[in-house]
Structure formats: structure tokens, C-alpha cells
Amino acid sequence: MGIFEWARKAREKRMKRISERYEEEKRRIEEAIGRPRIHLRVELPEGYEDMEEEFKHLPEDEKFRKAVKKIVRRFLDRKRKVEK
């Protein structure tokens, strides 16, 4: 491995750590001043291994986010009706 390759990998590693710290701080700030949120870990379903890249990009997909919000609203609406 040459010096340039080593430097590139070191820079990528450093940027990843910085990005992770930024996301954690951002989450804490949003939690303190924003609306409540939940975070779920979802595994790639069996049989969809060929769609791993698409799966990894779902959190950034606006259509996907809207669909999840719609599911959450429906679920909470049903729960609200049962409790009344």
C-alpha cells in the first residue's frame, strides 16, 4: 500500500468518526428541542439479498419516508380508537 492510499484511508476513517460524532450531537439537540422521534433497526429481509444497495438507501428515499409516516399514523389512529 502506497503512502497516498494510506493517507486516503486515514482521511476516510477520520471523516467517518467526525460524521458519527456530528450525527450523535445532532440527534441529542433534536431530541432536546424537537418533536419526539423513534429509531428502528430493520434487517434486510430474507430473499432480498440482491437488493442490498437499494435497501441501504431507503432512509434517504422520500417515498419510503412518506410510506413509513403513513403506516405510523394508521397504527396510532387504530390504537387511539381502541383506547377510547
Protein backbone atom coordinates (compact mmCIF):
# COMPACT_ATOMS: atom_id res chain seq x y z
CA MET A 1 0.00 0.00 0.00
CA GLY A 2 1.45 3.32 -1.02
CA ILE A 3 1.54 6.47 1.05
CA PHE A 4 -1.33 8.04 -0.91
CA GLU A 5 -3.56 5.02 -0.37
CA TRP A 6 -2.71 5.04 3.35
CA ALA A 7 -3.45 8.78 3.60
CA ARG A 8 -6.77 8.35 1.80
CA LYS A 9 -7.85 5.55 4.13
CA ALA A 10 -6.76 7.55 7.20
CA ARG A 11 -8.75 10.58 5.98
CA GLU A 12 -11.83 8.43 5.33
CA LYS A 13 -11.59 6.90 8.80
CA ARG A 14 -11.24 10.34 10.40
CA MET A 15 -14.19 11.72 8.42
CA LYS A 16 -16.32 8.74 9.45
CA ARG A 17 -15.58 9.40 13.14
CA ILE A 18 -16.36 13.10 12.72
CA SER A 19 -19.59 12.29 10.90
CA GLU A 20 -20.65 9.84 13.61
CA ARG A 21 -19.98 12.44 16.34
CA TYR A 22 -21.89 15.06 14.37
CA GLU A 23 -24.90 12.76 13.94
CA GLU A 24 -24.91 11.92 17.65
CA GLU A 25 -24.82 15.60 18.65
CA LYS A 26 -27.49 16.43 16.08
CA ARG A 27 -29.69 13.66 17.49
CA ARG A 28 -29.25 14.96 21.04
CA ILE A 29 -30.15 18.52 20.02
CA GLU A 30 -33.20 17.39 18.05
CA GLU A 31 -34.28 15.27 20.99
CA ALA A 32 -34.00 18.23 23.35
CA ILE A 33 -35.82 20.81 21.22
CA GLY A 34 -37.70 18.89 18.55
CA ARG A 35 -40.66 16.61 18.29
CA PRO A 36 -40.33 13.06 19.63
CA ARG A 37 -38.75 10.52 17.26
CA ILE A 38 -38.05 6.83 17.25
CA HIS A 39 -35.24 4.98 15.53
CA LEU A 40 -35.61 1.38 14.43
CA ARG A 41 -33.05 -1.09 13.17
CA VAL A 42 -34.50 -3.07 10.30
CA GLU A 43 -32.70 -6.04 8.80
CA LEU A 44 -32.72 -6.82 5.12
CA PRO A 45 -35.48 -9.43 4.69
CA GLU A 46 -34.50 -12.91 3.57
CA GLY A 47 -34.70 -13.35 -0.17
CA TYR A 48 -33.83 -9.70 -0.91
CA GLU A 49 -30.05 -10.03 -0.76
CA ASP A 50 -29.87 -8.89 -4.39
CA MET A 51 -31.36 -5.52 -3.33
CA GLU A 52 -28.86 -4.70 -0.58
CA GLU A 53 -27.79 -1.37 -2.11
CA GLU A 54 -31.40 -0.21 -2.59
CA PHE A 55 -32.17 -1.28 0.99
CA LYS A 56 -29.25 0.73 2.37
CA HIS A 57 -30.56 3.87 0.64
CA LEU A 58 -34.15 3.58 1.89
CA PRO A 59 -33.71 6.05 4.79
CA GLU A 60 -32.89 8.80 2.26
CA ASP A 61 -35.75 7.83 -0.07
CA GLU A 62 -38.54 10.40 0.33
CA LYS A 63 -41.24 7.99 -0.95
CA PHE A 64 -40.14 5.43 1.63
CA ARG A 65 -40.18 8.01 4.44
CA LYS A 66 -43.70 9.12 3.47
CA ALA A 67 -44.89 5.50 3.40
CA VAL A 68 -43.46 4.85 6.87
CA LYS A 69 -45.11 8.01 8.24
CA LYS A 70 -48.42 6.86 6.78
CA ILE A 71 -48.04 3.44 8.45
CA VAL A 72 -47.25 5.09 11.79
CA ARG A 73 -50.29 7.39 11.54
CA ARG A 74 -52.59 4.47 10.76
CA PHE A 75 -51.19 2.42 13.61
CA LEU A 76 -51.55 5.26 16.12
CA ASP A 77 -55.06 6.10 14.86
CA ARG A 78 -56.15 2.49 15.42
CA LYS A 79 -54.53 2.47 18.86
CA ARG A 80 -56.29 5.75 19.75
CA LYS A 81 -59.68 4.31 18.73
CA VAL A 82 -59.17 1.17 20.85
CA GLU A 83 -58.25 3.22 23.92
CA LYS A 84 -61.40 5.40 23.68
